[in-house]
Amino acid sequence: MSFMPLWPNLQPRATDPLWFYADKPCDDESEVLALETEHQAWREHLKAEGCDHIPIGKSASDFRGSEEEEEEEEEEEGEGEEEEESDTHEDEEEELDEIDMEVSYSHQQQRSSPTDTVTDPVSIRMVNVHTTRFS
């Protein structure tokens, strides 16, 4: 017949040093350096492997032009866009400053609760300040 102890054994368990060795020295810097070089090699491999693939949504004809032609086109487009953008932005800012709103009511306003009376619809008209209102 086996006897069960009433209290647990609080002594640490014996470990086999052949199976468990916690004091093994390790060099963290060399491990990190090895992981970084492995990752960089993987990235270079992917870059070299996928460089000739055409992206989704593009056609092969999009990539046939020479780089010099593309640079010239970008320079020409860039010069024209700067002038156009500055003009349009100024116009938009002026338009925003010039907009005025006029609200007209079709009947005389009375102070009452909104639920007590039924009101006619209100018309709102956008007016440009520099245009003549009464011609």
N, C-alpha and C. Protein backbone atom coordinates (compact mmCIF):
# COMPACT_ATOMS: atom_id res chain seq x y z
N MET A 1 0.82 -1.14 0.00
CA MET A 1 0.00 0.00 0.00
C MET A 1 0.89 1.24 0.00
N SER A 2 0.55 2.20 -0.90
CA SER A 2 1.39 3.40 -1.00
C SER A 2 0.85 4.47 -0.06
N PHE A 3 1.78 5.19 0.45
CA PHE A 3 1.43 6.21 1.41
C PHE A 3 1.55 7.58 0.74
N MET A 4 0.47 8.41 0.75
CA MET A 4 0.46 9.75 0.17
C MET A 4 0.89 10.75 1.24
N PRO A 5 1.87 11.60 0.92
CA PRO A 5 2.29 12.58 1.93
C PRO A 5 1.20 13.64 2.14
N LEU A 6 1.12 14.13 3.35
CA LEU A 6 0.14 15.15 3.67
C LEU A 6 0.55 16.53 3.16
N TRP A 7 1.84 16.78 3.07
CA TRP A 7 2.37 18.08 2.67
C TRP A 7 3.20 17.93 1.40
N PRO A 8 3.18 18.93 0.51
CA PRO A 8 3.98 18.82 -0.71
C PRO A 8 5.47 18.98 -0.41
N ASN A 9 6.27 18.41 -1.29
CA ASN A 9 7.72 18.51 -1.17
C ASN A 9 8.16 19.85 -1.77
N LEU A 10 8.74 20.72 -0.99
CA LEU A 10 9.12 22.05 -1.44
C LEU A 10 10.57 22.14 -1.90
N GLN A 11 11.27 21.05 -1.94
CA GLN A 11 12.65 21.07 -2.41
C GLN A 11 12.67 21.13 -3.94
N PRO A 12 13.67 21.81 -4.52
CA PRO A 12 13.74 21.86 -5.98
C PRO A 12 14.01 20.48 -6.56
N ARG A 13 13.47 20.26 -7.74
CA ARG A 13 13.66 18.98 -8.40
C ARG A 13 15.07 18.90 -8.96
N ALA A 14 15.59 17.75 -8.97
CA ALA A 14 16.93 17.54 -9.52
C ALA A 14 16.83 17.51 -11.04
N THR A 15 17.76 18.19 -11.70
CA THR A 15 17.78 18.20 -13.16
C THR A 15 19.01 17.47 -13.64
N ASP A 16 18.88 16.88 -14.79
CA ASP A 16 19.99 16.16 -15.39
C ASP A 16 20.80 17.16 -16.21
N PRO A 17 22.06 17.44 -15.88
CA PRO A 17 22.84 18.42 -16.62
C PRO A 17 23.10 18.02 -18.07
N LEU A 18 22.95 16.76 -18.40
CA LEU A 18 23.13 16.35 -19.79
C LEU A 18 21.93 16.77 -20.65
N TRP A 19 20.76 16.90 -20.02
CA TRP A 19 19.56 17.28 -20.75
C TRP A 19 19.23 18.76 -20.62
N PHE A 20 19.59 19.35 -19.51
CA PHE A 20 19.21 20.73 -19.27
C PHE A 20 20.44 21.50 -18.80
N TYR A 21 20.88 22.48 -19.62
CA TYR A 21 22.04 23.26 -19.28
C TYR A 21 21.68 24.73 -19.48
N ALA A 22 21.34 25.44 -18.40
CA ALA A 22 20.84 26.80 -18.48
C ALA A 22 21.94 27.85 -18.56
N ASP A 23 23.13 27.51 -18.17
CA ASP A 23 24.20 28.51 -18.12
C ASP A 23 25.04 28.53 -19.39
N LYS A 24 24.48 28.10 -20.49
CA LYS A 24 25.23 28.09 -21.74
C LYS A 24 25.45 29.53 -22.20
N PRO A 25 26.68 29.94 -22.48
CA PRO A 25 26.90 31.32 -22.94
C PRO A 25 26.39 31.49 -24.38
N CYS A 26 25.77 32.64 -24.63
CA CYS A 26 25.30 32.92 -25.98
C CYS A 26 25.69 34.35 -26.34
N ASP A 27 25.98 34.56 -27.61
CA ASP A 27 26.38 35.87 -28.11
C ASP A 27 25.20 36.46 -28.88
N ASP A 28 24.46 37.37 -28.25
CA ASP A 28 23.27 37.95 -28.87
C ASP A 28 23.62 38.76 -30.11
N GLU A 29 24.72 39.49 -30.08
CA GLU A 29 25.09 40.33 -31.21
C GLU A 29 25.36 39.50 -32.46
N SER A 30 26.02 38.37 -32.30
CA SER A 30 26.32 37.54 -33.47
C SER A 30 25.03 36.90 -34.02
N GLU A 31 24.11 36.53 -33.12
CA GLU A 31 22.84 35.97 -33.58
C GLU A 31 22.03 37.01 -34.35
N VAL A 32 21.97 38.24 -33.84
CA VAL A 32 21.24 39.30 -34.52
C VAL A 32 21.89 39.61 -35.86
N LEU A 33 23.22 39.66 -35.90
CA LEU A 33 23.92 39.92 -37.15
C LEU A 33 23.65 38.82 -38.18
N ALA A 34 23.62 37.57 -37.73
CA ALA A 34 23.33 36.46 -38.64
C ALA A 34 21.90 36.56 -39.18
N LEU A 35 20.94 36.89 -38.32
CA LEU A 35 19.56 37.05 -38.77
C LEU A 35 19.42 38.21 -39.75
N GLU A 36 20.12 39.32 -39.49
CA GLU A 36 20.05 40.47 -40.39
C GLU A 36 20.64 40.15 -41.76
N THR A 37 21.76 39.46 -41.79
CA THR A 37 22.37 39.12 -43.09
C THR A 37 21.49 38.13 -43.84
N GLU A 38 20.87 37.20 -43.12
CA GLU A 38 19.97 36.25 -43.77
C GLU A 38 18.76 36.98 -44.36
N HIS A 39 18.21 37.92 -43.62
CA HIS A 39 17.06 38.69 -44.10
C HIS A 39 17.45 39.55 -45.30
N GLN A 40 18.62 40.18 -45.26
CA GLN A 40 19.06 41.01 -46.38
C GLN A 40 19.28 40.15 -47.63
N ALA A 41 19.84 38.96 -47.46
CA ALA A 41 20.03 38.05 -48.60
C ALA A 41 18.67 37.64 -49.18
N TRP A 42 17.70 37.41 -48.33
CA TRP A 42 16.35 37.04 -48.79
C TRP A 42 15.73 38.18 -49.58
N ARG A 43 15.89 39.44 -49.09
CA ARG A 43 15.35 40.60 -49.80
C ARG A 43 16.03 40.78 -51.16
N GLU A 44 17.34 40.60 -51.21
CA GLU A 44 18.06 40.73 -52.48
C GLU A 44 17.61 39.65 -53.46
N HIS A 45 17.37 38.45 -52.95
CA HIS A 45 16.90 37.36 -53.80
C HIS A 45 15.53 37.71 -54.40
N LEU A 46 14.62 38.21 -53.57
CA LEU A 46 13.30 38.59 -54.07
C LEU A 46 13.39 39.73 -55.07
N LYS A 47 14.27 40.69 -54.81
CA LYS A 47 14.43 41.82 -55.71
C LYS A 47 14.94 41.35 -57.07
N ALA A 48 15.92 40.45 -57.07
CA ALA A 48 16.48 39.95 -58.33
C ALA A 48 15.48 39.04 -59.05
N GLU A 49 14.72 38.27 -58.29
CA GLU A 49 13.78 37.33 -58.88
C GLU A 49 12.59 38.04 -59.52
N GLY A 50 12.08 39.10 -58.90
CA GLY A 50 10.87 39.73 -59.37
C GLY A 50 11.07 41.00 -60.16
N CYS A 51 12.30 41.30 -60.56
CA CYS A 51 12.53 42.57 -61.24
C CYS A 51 11.95 42.59 -62.65
N ASP A 52 11.78 41.44 -63.29
CA ASP A 52 11.29 41.43 -64.66
C ASP A 52 9.78 41.18 -64.74
N HIS A 53 9.11 41.04 -63.61
CA HIS A 53 7.67 40.84 -63.62
C HIS A 53 6.95 42.17 -63.86
N ILE A 54 5.85 42.11 -64.59
CA ILE A 54 5.04 43.30 -64.87
C ILE A 54 4.00 43.42 -63.76
N PRO A 55 3.87 44.59 -63.15
CA PRO A 55 2.90 44.75 -62.06
C PRO A 55 1.47 44.53 -62.55
N ILE A 56 0.60 44.14 -61.64
CA ILE A 56 -0.80 43.94 -61.96
C ILE A 56 -1.40 45.28 -62.37
N GLY A 57 -2.18 45.28 -63.45
CA GLY A 57 -2.81 46.49 -63.91
C GLY A 57 -2.00 47.26 -64.93
N LYS A 58 -0.78 46.82 -65.19
CA LYS A 58 0.07 47.48 -66.19
C LYS A 58 0.23 46.54 -67.37
N SER A 59 0.54 47.12 -68.53
CA SER A 59 0.81 46.29 -69.71
C SER A 59 2.29 46.39 -70.05
N ALA A 60 2.76 45.48 -70.88
CA ALA A 60 4.17 45.46 -71.24
C ALA A 60 4.56 46.71 -72.01
N SER A 61 3.63 47.31 -72.75
CA SER A 61 3.95 48.50 -73.53
C SER A 61 4.23 49.71 -72.63
N ASP A 62 3.77 49.69 -71.39
CA ASP A 62 4.03 50.80 -70.47
C ASP A 62 5.50 50.88 -70.09
N PHE A 63 6.23 49.78 -70.21
CA PHE A 63 7.61 49.74 -69.75
C PHE A 63 8.62 49.71 -70.89
N ARG A 64 8.20 49.91 -72.13
CA ARG A 64 9.12 49.80 -73.27
C ARG A 64 9.87 51.09 -73.58
N GLY A 65 9.41 52.25 -73.12
CA GLY A 65 10.05 53.52 -73.43
C GLY A 65 11.40 53.64 -72.74
N SER A 66 12.28 54.47 -73.30
CA SER A 66 13.59 54.66 -72.69
C SER A 66 13.46 55.61 -71.51
N GLU A 67 14.41 55.54 -70.61
CA GLU A 67 14.37 56.37 -69.42
C GLU A 67 14.58 57.84 -69.75
N GLU A 68 15.41 58.13 -70.77
CA GLU A 68 15.66 59.52 -71.13
C GLU A 68 14.39 60.19 -71.64
N GLU A 69 13.61 59.47 -72.44
CA GLU A 69 12.36 60.03 -72.94
C GLU A 69 11.40 60.32 -71.79
N GLU A 70 11.35 59.42 -70.83
CA GLU A 70 10.46 59.61 -69.69
C GLU A 70 10.86 60.83 -68.89
N GLU A 71 12.18 61.02 -68.69
CA GLU A 71 12.65 62.17 -67.93
C GLU A 71 12.30 63.47 -68.64
N GLU A 72 12.45 63.49 -69.97
CA GLU A 72 12.12 64.69 -70.73
C GLU A 72 10.62 65.00 -70.63
N GLU A 73 9.79 63.95 -70.72
CA GLU A 73 8.35 64.15 -70.62
C GLU A 73 7.96 64.69 -69.25
N GLU A 74 8.59 64.16 -68.21
CA GLU A 74 8.29 64.61 -66.85
C GLU A 74 8.69 66.08 -66.67
N GLU A 75 9.84 66.47 -67.24
CA GLU A 75 10.27 67.86 -67.13
C GLU A 75 9.29 68.79 -67.84
N GLU A 76 8.84 68.38 -69.04
CA GLU A 76 7.90 69.21 -69.79
C GLU A 76 6.57 69.32 -69.05
N GLU A 77 6.09 68.21 -68.50
CA GLU A 77 4.83 68.22 -67.77
C GLU A 77 4.95 69.04 -66.50
N GLY A 78 6.09 68.93 -65.83
CA GLY A 78 6.30 69.64 -64.57
C GLY A 78 6.27 71.14 -64.75
N GLU A 79 6.84 71.65 -65.84
CA GLU A 79 6.87 73.09 -66.08
C GLU A 79 5.47 73.63 -66.29
N GLY A 80 4.67 72.96 -67.10
CA GLY A 80 3.32 73.42 -67.38
C GLY A 80 2.40 73.32 -66.17
N GLU A 81 2.58 72.28 -65.36
CA GLU A 81 1.70 72.05 -64.21
C GLU A 81 1.89 73.12 -63.14
N GLU A 82 3.13 73.58 -62.96
CA GLU A 82 3.38 74.57 -61.91
C GLU A 82 2.59 75.84 -62.18
N GLU A 83 2.61 76.28 -63.44
CA GLU A 83 1.90 77.50 -63.79
C GLU A 83 0.39 77.30 -63.66
N GLU A 84 -0.10 76.16 -64.16
CA GLU A 84 -1.53 75.89 -64.11
C GLU A 84 -2.02 75.77 -62.68
N GLU A 85 -1.27 75.07 -61.84
CA GLU A 85 -1.70 74.87 -60.47
C GLU A 85 -1.79 76.18 -59.72
N SER A 86 -0.81 77.06 -59.90
CA SER A 86 -0.83 78.31 -59.16
C SER A 86 -2.03 79.16 -59.57
N ASP A 87 -2.37 79.17 -60.87
CA ASP A 87 -3.51 79.95 -61.33
C ASP A 87 -4.82 79.39 -60.77
N THR A 88 -4.98 78.08 -60.84
CA THR A 88 -6.24 77.49 -60.40
C THR A 88 -6.44 77.65 -58.90
N HIS A 89 -5.37 77.51 -58.12
CA HIS A 89 -5.51 77.66 -56.68
C HIS A 89 -5.89 79.09 -56.31
N GLU A 90 -5.32 80.06 -57.01
CA GLU A 90 -5.68 81.45 -56.72
C GLU A 90 -7.14 81.70 -57.07
N ASP A 91 -7.59 81.16 -58.21
CA ASP A 91 -8.98 81.34 -58.62
C ASP A 91 -9.93 80.72 -57.61
N GLU A 92 -9.58 79.52 -57.13
CA GLU A 92 -10.45 78.85 -56.17
C GLU A 92 -10.55 79.64 -54.87
N GLU A 93 -9.41 80.19 -54.42
CA GLU A 93 -9.43 80.97 -53.19
C GLU A 93 -10.28 82.22 -53.36
N GLU A 94 -10.16 82.88 -54.53
CA GLU A 94 -10.97 84.07 -54.78
C GLU A 94 -12.45 83.72 -54.80
N GLU A 95 -12.79 82.59 -55.44
CA GLU A 95 -14.19 82.18 -55.51
C GLU A 95 -14.75 81.92 -54.12
N LEU A 96 -13.95 81.28 -53.26
CA LEU A 96 -14.43 81.00 -51.91
C LEU A 96 -14.66 82.29 -51.14
N ASP A 97 -13.81 83.30 -51.38
CA ASP A 97 -13.99 84.57 -50.69
C ASP A 97 -15.21 85.31 -51.21
N GLU A 98 -15.55 85.12 -52.47
CA GLU A 98 -16.60 85.90 -53.10
C GLU A 98 -18.00 85.33 -52.89
N ILE A 99 -18.12 84.09 -52.46
CA ILE A 99 -19.44 83.47 -52.34
C ILE A 99 -20.19 84.08 -51.16
N ASP A 100 -21.42 84.45 -51.40
CA ASP A 100 -22.29 85.01 -50.38
C ASP A 100 -23.61 84.27 -50.44
N MET A 101 -24.26 84.09 -49.30
CA MET A 101 -25.52 83.36 -49.29
C MET A 101 -26.66 84.30 -48.95
N GLU A 102 -27.74 84.16 -49.68
CA GLU A 102 -28.95 84.92 -49.39
C GLU A 102 -30.06 83.93 -49.04
N VAL A 103 -30.73 84.17 -47.94
CA VAL A 103 -31.82 83.31 -47.52
C VAL A 103 -33.10 84.13 -47.59
N SER A 104 -34.07 83.60 -48.29
CA SER A 104 -35.35 84.31 -48.38
C SER A 104 -36.46 83.42 -47.85
N TYR A 105 -37.34 84.01 -47.06
CA TYR A 105 -38.46 83.29 -46.49
C TYR A 105 -39.73 83.71 -47.23
N SER A 106 -40.59 82.76 -47.47
CA SER A 106 -41.81 83.06 -48.21
C SER A 106 -42.91 83.64 -47.32
N HIS A 107 -42.73 83.62 -45.99
CA HIS A 107 -43.74 84.18 -45.09
C HIS A 107 -43.03 84.85 -43.92
N GLN A 108 -43.77 85.62 -43.15
CA GLN A 108 -43.19 86.34 -42.03
C GLN A 108 -42.89 85.35 -40.90
N GLN A 109 -41.70 85.49 -40.31
CA GLN A 109 -41.29 84.58 -39.25
C GLN A 109 -41.99 84.92 -37.94
N GLN A 110 -42.47 83.91 -37.24
CA GLN A 110 -43.08 84.08 -35.93
C GLN A 110 -42.35 83.17 -34.96
N ARG A 111 -42.24 83.62 -33.75
CA ARG A 111 -41.57 82.80 -32.75
C ARG A 111 -42.57 81.80 -32.18
N SER A 112 -42.33 80.53 -32.49
CA SER A 112 -43.18 79.47 -31.95
C SER A 112 -42.38 78.18 -32.01
N SER A 113 -42.92 77.18 -31.43
CA SER A 113 -42.26 75.89 -31.43
C SER A 113 -42.32 75.29 -32.83
N PRO A 114 -41.28 74.63 -33.29
CA PRO A 114 -41.30 74.05 -34.63
C PRO A 114 -42.37 72.99 -34.81
N THR A 115 -42.78 72.35 -33.74
CA THR A 115 -43.79 71.30 -33.86
C THR A 115 -45.20 71.87 -33.89
N ASP A 116 -45.38 73.13 -33.43
CA ASP A 116 -46.72 73.73 -33.39
C ASP A 116 -47.22 74.12 -34.77
N THR A 117 -46.34 74.64 -35.60
CA THR A 117 -46.76 75.14 -36.91
C THR A 117 -46.04 74.42 -38.03
N VAL A 118 -46.69 74.38 -39.16
CA VAL A 118 -46.08 73.80 -40.35
C VAL A 118 -45.50 74.96 -41.14
N THR A 119 -44.22 74.90 -41.49
CA THR A 119 -43.57 76.00 -42.20
C THR A 119 -43.37 75.64 -43.65
N ASP A 120 -43.33 76.67 -44.47
CA ASP A 120 -43.04 76.49 -45.88
C ASP A 120 -41.54 76.27 -46.05
N PRO A 121 -41.14 75.65 -47.14
CA PRO A 121 -39.71 75.41 -47.35
C PRO A 121 -38.96 76.72 -47.57
N VAL A 122 -37.70 76.73 -47.17
CA VAL A 122 -36.83 77.90 -47.31
C VAL A 122 -35.96 77.70 -48.54
N SER A 123 -35.79 78.76 -49.34
CA SER A 123 -34.92 78.65 -50.51
C SER A 123 -33.61 79.36 -50.22
N ILE A 124 -32.50 78.71 -50.54
CA ILE A 124 -31.17 79.28 -50.35
C ILE A 124 -30.52 79.38 -51.72
N ARG A 125 -29.98 80.54 -52.03
CA ARG A 125 -29.38 80.76 -53.34
C ARG A 125 -27.95 81.21 -53.13
N MET A 126 -26.99 80.60 -53.87
CA MET A 126 -25.58 80.97 -53.80
C MET A 126 -25.36 82.11 -54.78
N VAL A 127 -24.74 83.20 -54.31
CA VAL A 127 -24.54 84.39 -55.14
C VAL A 127 -23.07 84.74 -55.14
N ASN A 128 -22.54 85.11 -56.29
CA ASN A 128 -21.17 85.56 -56.40
C ASN A 128 -21.14 87.05 -56.09
N VAL A 129 -20.21 87.53 -55.28
CA VAL A 129 -20.18 88.91 -54.82
C VAL A 129 -19.92 89.88 -55.96
N HIS A 130 -19.05 89.54 -56.90
CA HIS A 130 -18.67 90.47 -57.95
C HIS A 130 -19.68 90.55 -59.09
N THR A 131 -20.62 89.65 -59.15
CA THR A 131 -21.65 89.75 -60.19
C THR A 131 -22.71 90.72 -59.72
N THR A 132 -23.35 91.36 -60.65
CA THR A 132 -24.39 92.32 -60.28
C THR A 132 -25.63 91.57 -59.84
N ARG A 133 -26.19 92.01 -58.73
CA ARG A 133 -27.37 91.34 -58.20
C ARG A 133 -28.64 91.85 -58.86
N PHE A 134 -28.66 93.13 -59.15
CA PHE A 134 -29.86 93.71 -59.74
C PHE A 134 -29.48 94.26 -61.11
N SER A 135 -29.92 93.59 -62.15
CA SER A 135 -29.57 94.08 -63.48
C SER A 135 -30.77 94.58 -64.22
